[in-house]
């Protein structure tokens, strides 16, 4: 019997640990590239590599958003604490975007951050100047929505979830017609509107879903089944040339299947698991550092790793391990020079 959530959710350590590595694996194409990233996508046939890339790895961002929004609902976050959290996220965006731009090209790269128009300014803000730190901007919007809707009834949250899921379902089809690919760009906060409402509902219904192991299995199976149905529709209708403008002939985050797969992961994590092993707790603690630092090491490692006679698959795995270890080591060093808010 699990009537109330524990003070510390051990399952979240596992999610943070593995999903932070999944983000790096996606950016490094550890499991290989897909035909969806070039003009040969017409020859595409889904395989296990695509399932790993587009479902296992890409569910990392939804999982992190769901955890953050769930904690807002669970902790009944008040405005002073939310304001502090928003300020911290804004600091993360600004500091690491500027630092990475300076690292890449010094003053000349920093000058490119200056917007040319109001639309360009909006895009640069929402996309964190095209860097990986767009996540923090979308997270700010999501936790603000969670803060507001936590104070509303469950009915309002169901309505908001239904509307946001409908938007996620129809928007790719609208883009196919009018070619406004910016609507489904990977950094667009519209991709993530459903997650605050999903997280709030998970919190409000968790006692029913976690009564016993059987109910947990049924709840997770239902989420996975719905996710699979939407994934089937997405793979059969959303592989389109119009999306290549955003880098892949397939929407990255504007997919309903992500919401239900992410929800399944969070529900499993909410079970009363034992404390995670020390290595998992370490990875969880340094998950933010891994996220912000891997952008610095990724190009260096990819361009300078000798093949050593290894196959491409093994070499990519070695590169992933090297980047992850370098980020953990750097995190341990930087904590002496930077505020914890920038790393943990």
Protein backbone atom coordinates (compact mmCIF):
# COMPACT_ATOMS: atom_id res chain seq x y z
CA UNK A 1 0.00 0.00 0.00
CA UNK A 2 1.39 3.39 -1.01
CA UNK A 3 -1.01 6.06 0.18
CA UNK A 4 1.33 9.04 0.28
CA UNK A 5 4.44 9.85 -1.70
CA UNK A 6 7.73 9.57 0.20
CA UNK A 7 9.60 12.71 1.09
CA UNK A 8 12.31 11.88 -1.45
CA UNK A 9 11.42 10.07 -4.66
CA UNK A 10 14.21 7.57 -5.27
CA UNK A 11 12.92 6.69 -8.71
CA UNK A 12 13.65 10.21 -9.95
CA UNK A 13 17.37 9.58 -9.39
CA UNK A 14 17.23 6.80 -11.97
CA UNK A 15 15.33 8.98 -14.43
CA UNK A 16 17.70 11.94 -14.03
CA UNK A 17 20.77 9.70 -14.29
CA UNK A 18 19.83 7.88 -17.47
CA UNK A 19 17.87 10.60 -19.20
CA UNK A 20 20.74 13.09 -18.86
CA UNK A 21 22.97 10.57 -20.63
CA UNK A 22 20.21 10.04 -23.21
CA UNK A 23 20.29 13.75 -24.06
CA UNK A 24 24.03 13.55 -24.73
CA UNK A 25 23.61 10.33 -26.73
CA UNK A 26 21.02 12.04 -28.95
CA UNK A 27 23.23 15.05 -29.61
CA UNK A 28 26.20 12.81 -30.36
CA UNK A 29 24.16 10.41 -32.52
CA UNK A 30 25.52 7.54 -30.47
CA UNK A 31 23.14 5.05 -32.05
CA UNK A 32 23.85 6.31 -35.56
CA UNK A 33 22.15 8.72 -37.91
CA UNK A 34 18.78 8.16 -39.52
CA UNK A 35 17.79 8.52 -43.16
CA UNK A 36 15.38 11.13 -41.85
CA UNK A 37 18.14 13.73 -41.66
CA UNK A 38 18.74 13.94 -45.43
CA UNK A 39 16.97 13.93 -48.77
CA UNK A 40 17.04 10.12 -48.89
CA UNK A 41 14.30 9.95 -46.26
CA UNK A 42 11.91 8.60 -48.94
CA UNK A 43 13.79 5.27 -48.61
CA UNK A 44 13.22 5.30 -44.87
CA UNK A 45 11.87 2.28 -43.04
CA UNK A 46 11.63 2.37 -39.27
CA UNK A 47 14.05 0.10 -37.42
CA UNK A 48 15.33 -0.48 -33.89
CA UNK A 49 17.86 2.37 -34.23
CA UNK A 50 15.06 4.83 -35.00
CA UNK A 51 13.04 3.56 -32.04
CA UNK A 52 16.05 4.14 -29.79
CA UNK A 53 16.75 7.58 -31.24
CA UNK A 54 13.25 9.00 -31.61
CA UNK A 55 11.55 7.42 -28.61
CA UNK A 56 14.05 6.30 -25.96
CA UNK A 57 16.52 9.20 -26.30
CA UNK A 58 14.09 11.95 -27.22
CA UNK A 59 11.78 11.21 -24.29
CA UNK A 60 14.49 12.61 -22.02
CA UNK A 61 13.36 16.24 -22.30
CA UNK A 62 9.68 15.34 -21.68
CA UNK A 63 10.73 13.27 -18.65
CA UNK A 64 12.66 16.19 -17.12
CA UNK A 65 9.76 18.57 -17.77
CA UNK A 66 7.30 16.16 -16.16
CA UNK A 67 9.51 15.76 -13.08
CA UNK A 68 9.83 19.53 -12.60
CA UNK A 69 6.12 20.20 -13.08
CA UNK A 70 5.18 17.25 -10.87
CA UNK A 71 7.32 18.64 -8.05
CA UNK A 72 5.65 22.06 -8.42
CA UNK A 73 2.27 20.37 -7.92
CA UNK A 74 3.46 18.03 -5.16
CA UNK A 75 5.26 20.68 -3.15
CA UNK A 76 2.50 23.27 -3.62
CA UNK A 77 5.21 25.73 -4.61
CA UNK A 78 4.44 29.29 -3.51
CA UNK A 79 5.30 32.44 -5.46
CA UNK A 80 8.58 33.32 -3.62
CA UNK A 81 9.99 29.85 -4.30
CA UNK A 82 8.75 29.89 -7.88
CA UNK A 83 10.27 33.32 -8.45
CA UNK A 84 13.61 32.04 -7.17
CA UNK A 85 13.35 29.03 -9.49
CA UNK A 86 12.54 31.22 -12.49
CA UNK A 87 15.45 33.50 -11.69
CA UNK A 88 17.78 30.51 -11.45
CA UNK A 89 16.62 29.16 -14.82
CA UNK A 90 17.05 32.58 -16.42
CA UNK A 91 20.58 32.70 -15.00
CA UNK A 92 21.31 29.25 -16.44
CA UNK A 93 20.13 30.31 -19.89
CA UNK A 94 22.08 33.55 -19.99
CA UNK A 95 25.30 32.31 -18.37
CA UNK A 96 25.72 29.10 -20.35
CA UNK A 97 24.54 30.54 -23.67
CA UNK A 98 27.04 33.39 -23.41
CA UNK A 99 29.78 31.05 -22.17
CA UNK A 100 29.26 28.57 -25.00
CA UNK A 101 29.13 31.31 -27.64
CA UNK A 102 32.35 32.80 -26.31
CA UNK A 103 33.92 29.33 -26.26
CA UNK A 104 32.95 28.69 -29.88
CA UNK A 105 34.05 31.96 -31.44
CA UNK A 106 34.94 34.62 -28.93
CA UNK A 107 33.79 38.17 -29.49
CA UNK A 108 32.71 37.59 -33.09
CA UNK A 109 30.39 34.78 -32.01
CA UNK A 110 28.98 36.94 -29.23
CA UNK A 111 28.21 39.70 -31.73
CA UNK A 112 26.05 37.27 -33.69
CA UNK A 113 23.75 37.05 -30.68
CA UNK A 114 22.48 40.56 -31.45
CA UNK A 115 19.00 40.28 -33.03
CA UNK A 116 18.12 41.78 -36.41
CA UNK A 117 14.39 42.21 -35.72
CA UNK A 118 11.73 41.65 -33.08
CA UNK A 119 11.01 38.20 -34.52
CA UNK A 120 14.71 37.36 -34.46
CA UNK A 121 14.85 38.54 -30.84
CA UNK A 122 11.95 36.27 -29.91
CA UNK A 123 13.54 33.31 -31.68
CA UNK A 124 16.91 33.93 -30.04
CA UNK A 125 15.29 34.08 -26.60
CA UNK A 126 13.13 30.98 -27.02
CA UNK A 127 15.90 28.98 -28.69
CA UNK A 128 18.67 30.28 -26.39
CA UNK A 129 20.48 31.54 -29.48
CA UNK A 130 20.11 28.13 -31.12
CA UNK A 131 21.94 26.31 -28.32
CA UNK A 132 20.86 23.33 -26.21
CA UNK A 133 19.83 25.64 -23.38
CA UNK A 134 16.44 26.34 -24.98
CA UNK A 135 15.29 23.65 -22.53
CA UNK A 136 15.57 26.09 -19.63
CA UNK A 137 13.37 28.65 -21.41
CA UNK A 138 10.67 26.07 -22.05
CA UNK A 139 11.03 24.80 -18.49
CA UNK A 140 10.38 28.31 -17.17
CA UNK A 141 7.13 28.45 -19.14
CA UNK A 142 6.11 24.94 -18.07
CA UNK A 143 6.64 25.43 -14.34
CA UNK A 144 4.84 28.78 -14.51
CA UNK A 145 1.86 27.01 -16.11
CA UNK A 146 2.10 24.26 -13.48
CA UNK A 147 2.12 26.90 -10.74
CA UNK A 148 -1.08 28.46 -12.15
CA UNK A 149 -2.98 25.26 -12.94
CA UNK A 150 -2.08 23.56 -9.67
CA UNK A 151 -4.43 26.12 -8.12
CA UNK A 152 -7.28 25.15 -10.47
CA UNK A 153 -9.63 22.20 -10.32
CA UNK A 154 -8.90 18.81 -11.87
CA UNK A 155 -11.57 19.46 -14.52
CA UNK A 156 -9.68 22.53 -15.75
CA UNK A 157 -6.50 20.50 -15.95
CA UNK A 158 -8.22 17.79 -17.99
CA UNK A 159 -9.56 20.45 -20.37
CA UNK A 160 -6.11 22.05 -20.69
CA UNK A 161 -4.49 18.66 -21.30
CA UNK A 162 -7.06 17.74 -23.95
CA UNK A 163 -6.60 21.05 -25.78
CA UNK A 164 -2.80 20.89 -25.65
CA UNK A 165 -2.78 17.28 -26.89
CA UNK A 166 -5.10 18.26 -29.73
CA UNK A 167 -2.67 21.06 -30.63
CA UNK A 168 0.24 18.60 -30.61
CA UNK A 169 -1.69 16.19 -32.82
CA UNK A 170 -2.91 18.67 -35.43
CA UNK A 171 -0.03 21.14 -35.58
CA UNK A 172 2.31 18.88 -37.61
CA UNK A 173 -0.53 18.36 -40.08
CA UNK A 174 -1.06 22.12 -40.30
CA UNK A 175 2.67 22.61 -40.92
CA UNK A 176 2.58 20.01 -43.70
CA UNK A 177 -0.03 22.20 -45.40
CA UNK A 178 1.32 25.72 -44.79
CA UNK A 179 5.07 24.99 -44.32
CA UNK A 180 5.37 27.14 -41.17
CA UNK A 181 7.99 24.82 -39.70
CA UNK A 182 8.86 27.28 -36.96
CA UNK A 183 5.68 26.09 -35.24
CA UNK A 184 7.24 22.69 -34.60
CA UNK A 185 10.89 23.72 -34.24
CA UNK A 186 12.61 21.68 -31.53
CA UNK A 187 12.96 24.79 -29.32
CA UNK A 188 9.39 26.05 -29.65
CA UNK A 189 7.61 25.99 -26.26
CA UNK A 190 4.44 24.87 -28.06
CA UNK A 191 6.05 21.41 -28.13
CA UNK A 192 5.80 21.20 -24.36
CA UNK A 193 2.44 22.75 -23.45
CA UNK A 194 0.88 19.43 -22.45
CA UNK A 195 3.46 18.47 -19.84
CA UNK A 196 2.43 20.78 -16.95
CA UNK A 197 -1.15 19.51 -17.10
CA UNK A 198 -0.07 15.88 -17.46
CA UNK A 199 2.22 16.24 -14.44
CA UNK A 200 -0.50 17.79 -12.29
CA UNK A 201 -2.91 14.99 -13.18
CA UNK A 202 -0.28 12.34 -12.44
CA UNK A 203 0.14 13.90 -9.00
CA UNK A 204 -3.61 14.01 -8.35
CA UNK A 205 -4.24 10.45 -9.50
CA UNK A 206 -1.06 8.81 -8.23
CA UNK A 207 -2.66 7.23 -5.18
CA UNK A 208 -5.07 5.36 -7.44
CA UNK A 209 -2.31 4.29 -9.83
CA UNK A 210 0.11 3.23 -7.08
CA UNK A 211 -2.22 1.34 -4.75
CA UNK A 212 -0.40 -1.91 -5.50
CA UNK A 213 1.85 -3.52 -8.08
CA UNK A 214 -1.06 -4.68 -10.24
CA UNK A 215 -2.52 -1.18 -10.53
CA UNK A 216 0.94 0.19 -11.33
CA UNK A 217 1.41 -2.34 -14.14
CA UNK A 218 -2.05 -1.61 -15.57
CA UNK A 219 -1.48 2.16 -15.47
CA UNK A 220 1.91 1.92 -17.15
CA UNK A 221 0.64 -0.57 -19.73
CA UNK A 222 -2.23 1.79 -20.59
CA UNK A 223 0.18 4.70 -21.06
CA UNK A 224 2.52 2.62 -23.21
CA UNK A 225 -0.38 1.32 -25.30
CA UNK A 226 -1.69 4.81 -26.04
CA UNK A 227 1.86 5.98 -26.76
CA UNK A 228 2.34 3.12 -29.23
CA UNK A 229 -0.89 3.95 -31.04
CA UNK A 230 0.07 7.60 -31.47
CA UNK A 231 3.61 6.59 -32.45
CA UNK A 232 2.19 4.37 -35.20
CA UNK A 233 0.14 7.29 -36.52
CA UNK A 234 3.11 9.66 -36.34
CA UNK A 235 5.43 7.31 -38.23
CA UNK A 236 2.84 6.66 -40.92
CA UNK A 237 1.77 10.31 -41.44
CA UNK A 238 4.47 12.70 -40.24
CA UNK A 239 7.51 11.59 -42.25
CA UNK A 240 7.46 14.54 -44.66
CA UNK A 241 9.99 16.59 -46.62
CA UNK A 242 8.64 19.86 -45.17
CA UNK A 243 10.13 19.02 -41.79
CA UNK A 244 13.65 18.75 -43.25
CA UNK A 245 13.90 22.52 -42.89
CA UNK A 246 14.22 21.91 -39.14
CA UNK A 247 16.88 19.23 -39.67
CA UNK A 248 14.83 16.02 -39.77
CA UNK A 249 11.97 14.84 -41.94
CA UNK A 250 10.03 14.10 -38.77
CA UNK A 251 8.88 16.25 -35.84
CA UNK A 252 11.29 15.99 -32.91
CA UNK A 253 9.08 16.96 -29.96
CA UNK A 254 5.67 17.84 -31.39
CA UNK A 255 4.40 14.28 -30.88
CA UNK A 256 1.64 13.07 -28.58
CA UNK A 257 3.39 9.72 -28.14
CA UNK A 258 6.07 11.49 -26.09
CA UNK A 259 3.53 12.68 -23.52
CA UNK A 260 2.23 9.20 -22.74
CA UNK A 261 5.66 7.55 -22.85
CA UNK A 262 7.03 10.23 -20.50
CA UNK A 263 4.03 9.77 -18.19
CA UNK A 264 4.69 6.01 -18.05
CA UNK A 265 8.29 6.66 -17.01
CA UNK A 266 7.27 9.08 -14.27
CA UNK A 267 4.59 6.73 -12.91
CA UNK A 268 7.15 3.92 -12.63
CA UNK A 269 9.59 6.29 -10.92
CA UNK A 270 6.95 7.26 -8.34
CA UNK A 271 6.77 3.73 -6.96
CA UNK A 272 8.40 3.25 -3.57
CA UNK A 273 11.77 2.05 -4.82
CA UNK A 274 14.76 1.56 -2.56
CA UNK A 275 17.52 4.16 -2.51
CA UNK A 276 19.45 4.07 -5.77
CA UNK A 277 23.07 2.89 -5.78
CA UNK A 278 25.73 5.53 -5.15
CA UNK A 279 26.74 5.73 -8.82
CA UNK A 280 23.14 6.48 -9.86
CA UNK A 281 22.83 9.12 -7.15
CA UNK A 282 26.08 10.67 -8.38
CA UNK A 283 24.82 10.73 -11.97
CA UNK A 284 21.53 12.24 -10.81
CA UNK A 285 23.28 14.92 -8.77
CA UNK A 286 25.45 15.87 -11.75
CA UNK A 287 22.73 15.57 -14.41
CA UNK A 288 22.45 19.35 -14.81
CA UNK A 289 26.23 19.68 -15.14
CA UNK A 290 26.22 16.96 -17.79
CA UNK A 291 23.52 18.79 -19.71
CA UNK A 292 25.18 22.22 -19.69
CA UNK A 293 28.77 21.03 -20.18
CA UNK A 294 28.44 18.40 -22.89
CA UNK A 295 27.98 21.11 -25.52
CA UNK A 296 31.56 22.23 -24.84
CA UNK A 297 33.14 18.78 -25.13
CA UNK A 298 30.99 17.22 -27.83
CA UNK A 299 32.67 18.77 -30.92
CA UNK A 300 36.17 18.32 -29.45
CA UNK A 301 35.69 14.63 -28.78
CA UNK A 302 33.90 13.93 -32.07
CA UNK A 303 36.65 15.60 -34.09
CA UNK A 304 39.66 14.29 -32.21
CA UNK A 305 38.92 10.71 -31.20
CA UNK A 306 41.22 8.29 -33.04
CA UNK A 307 39.43 5.32 -34.59
CA UNK A 308 41.77 2.81 -32.86
CA UNK A 309 40.55 0.18 -35.30
CA UNK A 310 37.12 0.15 -33.66
CA UNK A 311 33.85 -0.22 -35.54
CA UNK A 312 31.76 2.94 -35.93
CA UNK A 313 29.18 1.70 -33.41
CA UNK A 314 31.81 0.99 -30.75
CA UNK A 315 33.65 4.24 -31.48
CA UNK A 316 30.47 6.27 -30.99
CA UNK A 317 29.86 4.54 -27.67
CA UNK A 318 33.43 5.30 -26.58
CA UNK A 319 32.96 8.95 -27.55
CA UNK A 320 29.79 9.12 -25.48
CA UNK A 321 31.54 7.67 -22.43
CA UNK A 322 34.46 10.09 -22.82
CA UNK A 323 32.17 13.13 -23.01
CA UNK A 324 30.12 12.00 -20.01
CA UNK A 325 33.22 11.37 -17.90
CA UNK A 326 34.78 14.69 -18.90
CA UNK A 327 31.59 16.50 -17.89
CA UNK A 328 31.47 14.77 -14.51
CA UNK A 329 35.13 15.57 -13.88
CA UNK A 330 34.65 19.20 -14.92
CA UNK A 331 31.62 19.47 -12.67
CA UNK A 332 33.66 18.34 -9.68
CA UNK A 333 36.29 20.97 -10.48
CA UNK A 334 33.98 23.87 -11.38
CA UNK A 335 31.96 23.56 -8.18
CA UNK A 336 34.88 25.30 -6.47
CA UNK A 337 34.55 28.30 -8.80
CA UNK A 338 30.88 28.56 -9.77
CA UNK A 339 27.69 28.79 -7.77
CA UNK A 340 25.85 25.52 -7.22
CA UNK A 341 22.87 27.05 -9.01
CA UNK A 342 24.84 26.88 -12.26
CA UNK A 343 25.79 23.23 -11.98
CA UNK A 344 23.42 21.26 -9.72
